[in-house]
């Protein structure tokens, strides 16, 4: 109950803040083409895929359709993801076979591709980006302001709503408590390392 309440408060607070208190929408082409902004926008997609690698497996054991919420995240990011995290029930089991999509989401290769892509995006932003312009854009434009906060929320929520602990338990990893905290406390690269190292879930017929 506290987990769900906390998630709904975060969801509501984020919406209220972005609509009522974030800077106005004031974006320009130079801001959009700034490599830092382009990389940050791409990182939203990286985070959605990171969550997808857990959510679609988890959704097999949930009464709510995970795919519907994840489709919503393409357009709204955390605004559609947080309701799934709040409505799902803790469940560390997995039964049945894996279709091709689940096999991709469960593959270590997917984690490696996401990690390489993340490193490339960060290097692109660091080497070519105008960070002063990005800071100014964050302070003056609603789109960039909200997108940046969403990236922070993706990182903060990853270990919180039992999604990660349930995924680890399905793979027999919850006894490795140190591994959980490494994944949980290292932003972005902790989850990416987890996707690269976690054992596959055995399919059952």
Protein backbone atom coordinates (compact mmCIF):
# COMPACT_ATOMS: atom_id res chain seq x y z
CA UNK A 1 0.00 0.00 0.00
CA UNK A 2 2.78 2.47 0.88
CA UNK A 3 4.61 1.52 -2.30
CA UNK A 4 1.54 2.27 -4.39
CA UNK A 5 0.75 5.49 -2.54
CA UNK A 6 4.30 6.72 -2.98
CA UNK A 7 4.20 6.01 -6.72
CA UNK A 8 0.85 7.75 -7.21
CA UNK A 9 2.12 10.80 -5.31
CA UNK A 10 5.24 10.91 -7.48
CA UNK A 11 3.09 10.56 -10.61
CA UNK A 12 0.69 13.31 -9.57
CA UNK A 13 3.45 15.58 -8.33
CA UNK A 14 5.37 15.26 -11.59
CA UNK A 15 2.31 16.12 -13.69
CA UNK A 16 1.31 19.07 -11.50
CA UNK A 17 4.85 20.43 -11.46
CA UNK A 18 5.40 20.18 -15.23
CA UNK A 19 2.01 21.72 -16.04
CA UNK A 20 1.89 24.38 -13.37
CA UNK A 21 5.41 25.24 -12.27
CA UNK A 22 7.92 24.30 -14.99
CA UNK A 23 9.14 27.05 -17.36
CA UNK A 24 6.90 27.82 -20.35
CA UNK A 25 7.33 26.06 -23.69
CA UNK A 26 9.97 28.22 -25.32
CA UNK A 27 12.07 25.93 -27.47
CA UNK A 28 14.11 26.95 -30.52
CA UNK A 29 15.85 25.02 -33.28
CA UNK A 30 19.38 25.61 -31.87
CA UNK A 31 18.19 24.19 -28.55
CA UNK A 32 16.69 21.12 -30.22
CA UNK A 33 19.81 20.47 -32.29
CA UNK A 34 22.17 20.77 -29.33
CA UNK A 35 23.90 17.36 -29.06
CA UNK A 36 23.20 17.34 -25.30
CA UNK A 37 19.45 17.63 -25.97
CA UNK A 38 19.58 15.06 -28.78
CA UNK A 39 21.43 12.65 -26.51
CA UNK A 40 19.05 13.26 -23.61
CA UNK A 41 16.05 12.66 -25.85
CA UNK A 42 17.64 9.42 -27.07
CA UNK A 43 18.35 8.43 -23.45
CA UNK A 44 14.62 8.49 -22.77
CA UNK A 45 14.37 5.71 -25.37
CA UNK A 46 17.26 3.85 -23.74
CA UNK A 47 15.50 3.99 -20.38
CA UNK A 48 12.23 2.78 -21.90
CA UNK A 49 14.05 -0.23 -23.35
CA UNK A 50 15.78 -0.90 -20.02
CA UNK A 51 12.40 -0.97 -18.30
CA UNK A 52 10.94 -3.03 -21.15
CA UNK A 53 13.53 -5.74 -20.47
CA UNK A 54 11.91 -6.18 -17.04
CA UNK A 55 8.30 -5.09 -17.60
CA UNK A 56 7.40 -7.45 -20.45
CA UNK A 57 8.67 -10.47 -18.52
CA UNK A 58 6.91 -9.20 -15.41
CA UNK A 59 3.72 -8.53 -17.36
CA UNK A 60 3.32 -12.24 -18.08
CA UNK A 61 2.38 -12.68 -14.41
CA UNK A 62 0.21 -9.56 -14.03
CA UNK A 63 -3.51 -9.03 -14.55
CA UNK A 64 -2.92 -5.67 -16.24
CA UNK A 65 -1.61 -5.52 -19.85
CA UNK A 66 2.01 -4.43 -19.66
CA UNK A 67 2.16 -3.80 -23.41
CA UNK A 68 -0.53 -1.09 -23.22
CA UNK A 69 1.39 0.87 -20.60
CA UNK A 70 4.69 0.50 -22.46
CA UNK A 71 3.09 1.76 -25.67
CA UNK A 72 1.93 4.77 -23.67
CA UNK A 73 5.47 5.44 -22.49
CA UNK A 74 6.58 6.04 -26.08
CA UNK A 75 4.52 9.23 -26.09
CA UNK A 76 4.52 10.18 -22.42
CA UNK A 77 7.54 8.55 -20.78
CA UNK A 78 7.18 8.20 -17.03
CA UNK A 79 3.58 9.45 -17.09
CA UNK A 80 2.46 6.09 -18.52
CA UNK A 81 5.14 3.97 -16.84
CA UNK A 82 4.46 4.97 -13.23
CA UNK A 83 0.80 3.77 -13.28
CA UNK A 84 2.00 0.32 -14.35
CA UNK A 85 4.52 0.25 -11.50
CA UNK A 86 1.78 1.30 -9.08
CA UNK A 87 -0.88 -1.13 -10.33
CA UNK A 88 1.30 -4.23 -10.74
CA UNK A 89 1.37 -6.76 -7.91
CA UNK A 90 4.68 -8.05 -6.53
CA UNK A 91 5.33 -11.38 -8.24
CA UNK A 92 8.62 -13.22 -8.59
CA UNK A 93 7.38 -16.13 -10.72
CA UNK A 94 7.45 -16.82 -14.46
CA UNK A 95 5.61 -19.59 -16.25
CA UNK A 96 5.13 -20.52 -19.87
CA UNK A 97 7.28 -20.15 -22.94
CA UNK A 98 9.02 -17.09 -24.31
CA UNK A 99 7.83 -15.67 -27.61
CA UNK A 100 10.43 -13.95 -29.87
CA UNK A 101 9.80 -10.53 -28.27
CA UNK A 102 10.27 -11.86 -24.73
CA UNK A 103 13.39 -13.71 -25.85
CA UNK A 104 14.85 -10.42 -27.12
CA UNK A 105 13.93 -8.60 -23.90
CA UNK A 106 15.51 -11.42 -21.87
CA UNK A 107 18.72 -11.57 -23.90
CA UNK A 108 22.08 -10.41 -22.62
CA UNK A 109 22.80 -9.23 -26.16
CA UNK A 110 20.06 -6.62 -25.76
CA UNK A 111 21.76 -5.35 -22.62
CA UNK A 112 25.11 -5.13 -24.41
CA UNK A 113 23.59 -3.21 -27.34
CA UNK A 114 21.92 -0.78 -24.95
CA UNK A 115 25.17 -0.27 -23.03
CA UNK A 116 27.20 0.44 -26.17
CA UNK A 117 24.49 2.81 -27.41
CA UNK A 118 24.46 4.63 -24.06
CA UNK A 119 28.22 5.12 -24.07
CA UNK A 120 28.06 6.46 -27.65
CA UNK A 121 25.29 8.91 -26.73
CA UNK A 122 27.14 10.17 -23.66
CA UNK A 123 30.35 10.66 -25.62
CA UNK A 124 28.41 12.52 -28.31
CA UNK A 125 26.97 14.88 -25.69
CA UNK A 126 30.26 15.36 -23.84
CA UNK A 127 32.43 15.95 -26.91
CA UNK A 128 30.08 17.95 -29.14
CA UNK A 129 27.41 19.32 -26.81
CA UNK A 130 26.89 22.90 -25.67
CA UNK A 131 26.33 22.40 -21.96
CA UNK A 132 25.83 26.09 -21.20
CA UNK A 133 23.02 26.19 -23.74
CA UNK A 134 21.54 23.03 -22.23
CA UNK A 135 21.52 24.54 -18.73
CA UNK A 136 19.87 27.68 -20.09
CA UNK A 137 17.34 25.53 -21.98
CA UNK A 138 16.57 23.56 -18.83
CA UNK A 139 15.85 26.79 -17.01
CA UNK A 140 13.70 28.36 -19.71
CA UNK A 141 11.91 25.62 -21.71
CA UNK A 142 9.20 23.25 -20.49
CA UNK A 143 10.03 20.43 -22.92
CA UNK A 144 13.72 20.17 -22.01
CA UNK A 145 12.98 20.80 -18.34
CA UNK A 146 10.39 18.00 -18.19
CA UNK A 147 12.49 15.60 -20.24
CA UNK A 148 15.47 16.05 -17.93
CA UNK A 149 13.33 15.47 -14.84
CA UNK A 150 11.86 12.37 -16.47
CA UNK A 151 15.37 10.97 -16.96
CA UNK A 152 16.03 11.50 -13.26
CA UNK A 153 12.76 9.75 -12.39
CA UNK A 154 13.65 6.75 -14.54
CA UNK A 155 16.86 6.32 -12.54
CA UNK A 156 15.27 6.88 -9.12
CA UNK A 157 12.31 4.55 -9.69
CA UNK A 158 14.23 1.61 -11.18
CA UNK A 159 14.93 -0.16 -7.85
CA UNK A 160 11.94 1.22 -5.92
CA UNK A 161 8.65 -0.47 -6.85
CA UNK A 162 9.79 -4.15 -6.46
CA UNK A 163 10.14 -4.56 -10.24
CA UNK A 164 13.90 -5.08 -9.96
CA UNK A 165 13.77 -7.31 -6.88
CA UNK A 166 11.08 -9.49 -8.46
CA UNK A 167 13.12 -9.84 -11.65
CA UNK A 168 16.17 -10.84 -9.63
CA UNK A 169 14.16 -13.38 -7.65
CA UNK A 170 12.91 -15.00 -10.88
CA UNK A 171 16.54 -15.56 -11.78
CA UNK A 172 17.66 -16.79 -8.37
CA UNK A 173 19.68 -13.65 -7.61
CA UNK A 174 17.99 -12.24 -4.51
CA UNK A 175 20.49 -13.99 -2.25
CA UNK A 176 23.09 -11.73 -3.86
CA UNK A 177 21.98 -8.65 -1.93
CA UNK A 178 25.19 -6.77 -2.72
CA UNK A 179 24.43 -7.15 -6.43
CA UNK A 180 20.98 -5.61 -5.88
CA UNK A 181 22.44 -2.53 -4.20
CA UNK A 182 25.10 -2.12 -6.87
CA UNK A 183 22.41 -2.16 -9.54
CA UNK A 184 20.12 0.08 -7.48
CA UNK A 185 22.61 2.74 -6.43
CA UNK A 186 24.62 3.23 -9.64
CA UNK A 187 22.46 5.38 -11.92
CA UNK A 188 21.98 4.10 -15.47
CA UNK A 189 25.08 1.91 -15.65
CA UNK A 190 23.91 -0.25 -12.73
CA UNK A 191 20.73 -1.27 -14.63
CA UNK A 192 22.71 -1.67 -17.85
CA UNK A 193 25.26 -3.94 -16.14
CA UNK A 194 22.37 -5.96 -14.72
CA UNK A 195 20.90 -6.52 -18.18
CA UNK A 196 24.30 -7.64 -19.45
CA UNK A 197 24.99 -10.05 -16.57
CA UNK A 198 21.65 -11.48 -15.42
CA UNK A 199 20.98 -15.15 -16.24
CA UNK A 200 18.15 -15.89 -18.64
CA UNK A 201 14.79 -16.98 -17.27
CA UNK A 202 14.20 -20.64 -18.18
CA UNK A 203 11.06 -21.12 -20.26
CA UNK A 204 8.58 -23.81 -19.26
CA UNK A 205 6.01 -25.51 -21.44
